[in-house]
Amino acid sequence: MSLTFLCNSVPGGDLFTYLIKHTRLDAPEAKWILYQLLLALEYLHDDLGIAHRDVKLENVVLAFTCPGTGGRFPKAQLADFGQAKEAASRFKSLQGASLSMLSCLSVIGFR
């Protein structure tokens, strides 16, 4: 039995390290990164029926640069699917959700 891993090159590192290096993102760059993450999560949930369950800065990897932005912003990709789970009909588990995330969601109206 053999096991083969296929990996993309992500020379930008992870989002945590990127934020430490840059200390702050301007609004267009932050929106672009968040937009990419939301698209990825929407695809995982709606099309594949998978919950990542471990979305954090260290699990967002950056590949420089994203052609759609004229090379200004990095391409964000989700990584580390070790906690991912296939969902039956609806996502019911809040396993891995931090209290700050849950309180943030309740403030913006997701209950």
C-alpha atoms as a PDB file:
ATOM      1  CA  MET A   1       0.000   0.000   0.000  1.00  0.00           C
ATOM      2  CA  SER A   2       1.319   3.420  -0.888  1.00  0.00           C
ATOM      3  CA  LEU A   3       0.145   6.867   0.120  1.00  0.00           C
ATOM      4  CA  THR A   4       0.609   9.898  -2.115  1.00  0.00           C
ATOM      5  CA  PHE A   5       0.164  13.533  -1.101  1.00  0.00           C
ATOM      6  CA  LEU A   6      -0.385  16.279  -3.642  1.00  0.00           C
ATOM      7  CA  CYS A   7       0.324  19.760  -2.352  1.00  0.00           C
ATOM      8  CA  ASN A   8       0.172  23.209  -3.879  1.00  0.00           C
ATOM      9  CA  SER A   9       3.028  25.592  -3.279  1.00  0.00           C
ATOM     10  CA  VAL A  10       1.944  28.385  -0.953  1.00  0.00           C
ATOM     11  CA  PRO A  11       4.925  30.711  -0.682  1.00  0.00           C
ATOM     12  CA  GLY A  12       2.933  33.323   1.262  1.00  0.00           C
ATOM     13  CA  GLY A  13       2.749  31.216   4.426  1.00  0.00           C
ATOM     14  CA  ASP A  14      -0.299  31.350   6.660  1.00  0.00           C
ATOM     15  CA  LEU A  15      -2.582  34.287   7.457  1.00  0.00           C
ATOM     16  CA  PHE A  16      -1.422  34.449  11.089  1.00  0.00           C
ATOM     17  CA  THR A  17       2.213  35.039  10.082  1.00  0.00           C
ATOM     18  CA  TYR A  18       1.125  37.430   7.335  1.00  0.00           C
ATOM     19  CA  LEU A  19      -0.812  39.561   9.846  1.00  0.00           C
ATOM     20  CA  ILE A  20       2.101  39.627  12.282  1.00  0.00           C
ATOM     21  CA  LYS A  21       4.422  40.748   9.485  1.00  0.00           C
ATOM     22  CA  HIS A  22       2.071  43.433   8.124  1.00  0.00           C
ATOM     23  CA  THR A  23       0.523  44.372  11.519  1.00  0.00           C
ATOM     24  CA  ARG A  24      -2.583  45.601   9.731  1.00  0.00           C
ATOM     25  CA  LEU A  25      -4.465  45.119   6.464  1.00  0.00           C
ATOM     26  CA  ASP A  26      -6.143  47.869   4.518  1.00  0.00           C
ATOM     27  CA  ALA A  27      -9.896  47.468   3.949  1.00  0.00           C
ATOM     28  CA  PRO A  28      -9.758  46.258   0.304  1.00  0.00           C
ATOM     29  CA  GLU A  29      -7.205  43.538   1.133  1.00  0.00           C
ATOM     30  CA  ALA A  30      -9.137  42.376   4.232  1.00  0.00           C
ATOM     31  CA  LYS A  31     -12.363  42.257   2.219  1.00  0.00           C
ATOM     32  CA  TRP A  32     -10.679  40.273  -0.561  1.00  0.00           C
ATOM     33  CA  ILE A  33      -9.290  37.666   1.847  1.00  0.00           C
ATOM     34  CA  LEU A  34     -12.621  37.368   3.700  1.00  0.00           C
ATOM     35  CA  TYR A  35     -14.508  37.100   0.396  1.00  0.00           C
ATOM     36  CA  GLN A  36     -12.306  34.184  -0.699  1.00  0.00           C
ATOM     37  CA  LEU A  37     -12.805  32.401   2.628  1.00  0.00           C
ATOM     38  CA  LEU A  38     -16.571  32.855   2.480  1.00  0.00           C
ATOM     39  CA  LEU A  39     -16.645  31.469  -1.070  1.00  0.00           C
ATOM     40  CA  ALA A  40     -14.604  28.454   0.047  1.00  0.00           C
ATOM     41  CA  LEU A  41     -16.886  27.797   3.027  1.00  0.00           C
ATOM     42  CA  GLU A  42     -19.994  28.231   0.900  1.00  0.00           C
ATOM     43  CA  TYR A  43     -18.640  25.685  -1.589  1.00  0.00           C
ATOM     44  CA  LEU A  44     -17.732  23.219   1.163  1.00  0.00           C
ATOM     45  CA  HIS A  45     -21.113  23.538   2.903  1.00  0.00           C
ATOM     46  CA  ASP A  46     -23.560  23.935   0.026  1.00  0.00           C
ATOM     47  CA  ASP A  47     -21.956  21.896  -2.745  1.00  0.00           C
ATOM     48  CA  LEU A  48     -19.975  19.230  -0.902  1.00  0.00           C
ATOM     49  CA  GLY A  49     -21.818  19.006   2.421  1.00  0.00           C
ATOM     50  CA  ILE A  50     -18.605  19.313   4.442  1.00  0.00           C
ATOM     51  CA  ALA A  51     -17.926  21.359   7.586  1.00  0.00           C
ATOM     52  CA  HIS A  52     -14.278  22.391   8.008  1.00  0.00           C
ATOM     53  CA  ARG A  53     -14.638  22.842  11.816  1.00  0.00           C
ATOM     54  CA  ASP A  54     -11.159  24.327  12.318  1.00  0.00           C
ATOM     55  CA  VAL A  55     -11.132  27.681  10.526  1.00  0.00           C
ATOM     56  CA  LYS A  56      -8.456  29.853  12.104  1.00  0.00           C
ATOM     57  CA  LEU A  57      -5.681  32.156  10.903  1.00  0.00           C
ATOM     58  CA  GLU A  58      -3.111  29.349  10.903  1.00  0.00           C
ATOM     59  CA  ASN A  59      -5.318  27.248   8.578  1.00  0.00           C
ATOM     60  CA  VAL A  60      -5.605  29.913   5.910  1.00  0.00           C
ATOM     61  CA  VAL A  61      -2.620  29.718   3.575  1.00  0.00           C
ATOM     62  CA  LEU A  62      -1.653  32.424   1.113  1.00  0.00           C
ATOM     63  CA  ALA A  63      -0.385  31.934  -2.413  1.00  0.00           C
ATOM     64  CA  PHE A  64       1.022  35.130  -3.875  1.00  0.00           C
ATOM     65  CA  THR A  65      -0.440  36.695  -5.943  1.00  0.00           C
ATOM     66  CA  CYS A  66      -4.028  36.411  -7.036  1.00  0.00           C
ATOM     67  CA  PRO A  67      -4.417  37.254 -10.745  1.00  0.00           C
ATOM     68  CA  GLY A  68      -7.948  38.601 -10.202  1.00  0.00           C
ATOM     69  CA  THR A  69      -6.583  41.511  -8.158  1.00  0.00           C
ATOM     70  CA  GLY A  70      -3.897  42.628 -10.561  1.00  0.00           C
ATOM     71  CA  GLY A  71      -1.292  41.049  -8.292  1.00  0.00           C
ATOM     72  CA  ARG A  72      -2.079  43.331  -5.351  1.00  0.00           C
ATOM     73  CA  PHE A  73      -3.512  40.773  -2.899  1.00  0.00           C
ATOM     74  CA  PRO A  74      -2.739  37.167  -1.973  1.00  0.00           C
ATOM     75  CA  LYS A  75      -4.902  34.200  -2.906  1.00  0.00           C
ATOM     76  CA  ALA A  76      -6.303  32.684   0.298  1.00  0.00           C
ATOM     77  CA  GLN A  77      -6.913  28.933   0.585  1.00  0.00           C
ATOM     78  CA  LEU A  78      -8.268  26.814   3.428  1.00  0.00           C
ATOM     79  CA  ALA A  79      -5.933  24.113   4.713  1.00  0.00           C
ATOM     80  CA  ASP A  80      -5.881  21.364   7.348  1.00  0.00           C
ATOM     81  CA  PHE A  81      -9.056  19.354   6.880  1.00  0.00           C
ATOM     82  CA  GLY A  82      -8.213  17.019   9.776  1.00  0.00           C
ATOM     83  CA  GLN A  83     -11.320  18.088  11.731  1.00  0.00           C
ATOM     84  CA  ALA A  84     -13.606  18.266   8.681  1.00  0.00           C
ATOM     85  CA  LYS A  85     -16.827  16.320   8.828  1.00  0.00           C
ATOM     86  CA  GLU A  86     -19.438  15.339   6.284  1.00  0.00           C
ATOM     87  CA  ALA A  87     -22.868  16.591   7.297  1.00  0.00           C
ATOM     88  CA  ALA A  88     -26.110  14.707   6.969  1.00  0.00           C
ATOM     89  CA  SER A  89     -28.993  17.078   6.345  1.00  0.00           C
ATOM     90  CA  ARG A  90     -27.931  20.106   8.413  1.00  0.00           C
ATOM     91  CA  PHE A  91     -24.910  21.240  10.355  1.00  0.00           C
ATOM     92  CA  LYS A  92     -25.864  20.827  13.994  1.00  0.00           C
ATOM     93  CA  SER A  93     -22.564  20.656  15.865  1.00  0.00           C
ATOM     94  CA  LEU A  94     -20.809  23.741  17.200  1.00  0.00           C
ATOM     95  CA  GLN A  95     -17.735  21.687  18.102  1.00  0.00           C
ATOM     96  CA  GLY A  96     -14.632  23.802  17.776  1.00  0.00           C
ATOM     97  CA  ALA A  97     -16.547  27.101  17.835  1.00  0.00           C
ATOM     98  CA  SER A  98     -15.025  29.520  20.325  1.00  0.00           C
ATOM     99  CA  LEU A  99     -17.133  31.600  22.691  1.00  0.00           C
ATOM    100  CA  SER A 100     -15.957  34.811  21.033  1.00  0.00           C
ATOM    101  CA  MET A 101     -17.080  33.499  17.640  1.00  0.00           C
ATOM    102  CA  LEU A 102     -20.459  32.441  19.011  1.00  0.00           C
ATOM    103  CA  SER A 103     -21.013  35.790  20.739  1.00  0.00           C
ATOM    104  CA  CYS A 104     -19.991  37.595  17.553  1.00  0.00           C
ATOM    105  CA  LEU A 105     -22.508  35.585  15.547  1.00  0.00           C
ATOM    106  CA  SER A 106     -25.269  36.361  18.041  1.00  0.00           C
ATOM    107  CA  VAL A 107     -24.485  40.081  17.855  1.00  0.00           C
ATOM    108  CA  ILE A 108     -24.888  40.149  14.069  1.00  0.00           C
ATOM    109  CA  GLY A 109     -28.109  38.195  14.205  1.00  0.00           C
ATOM    110  CA  PHE A 110     -27.221  34.544  13.615  1.00  0.00           C
ATOM    111  CA  ARG A 111     -28.954  32.511  16.311  1.00  0.00           C
END
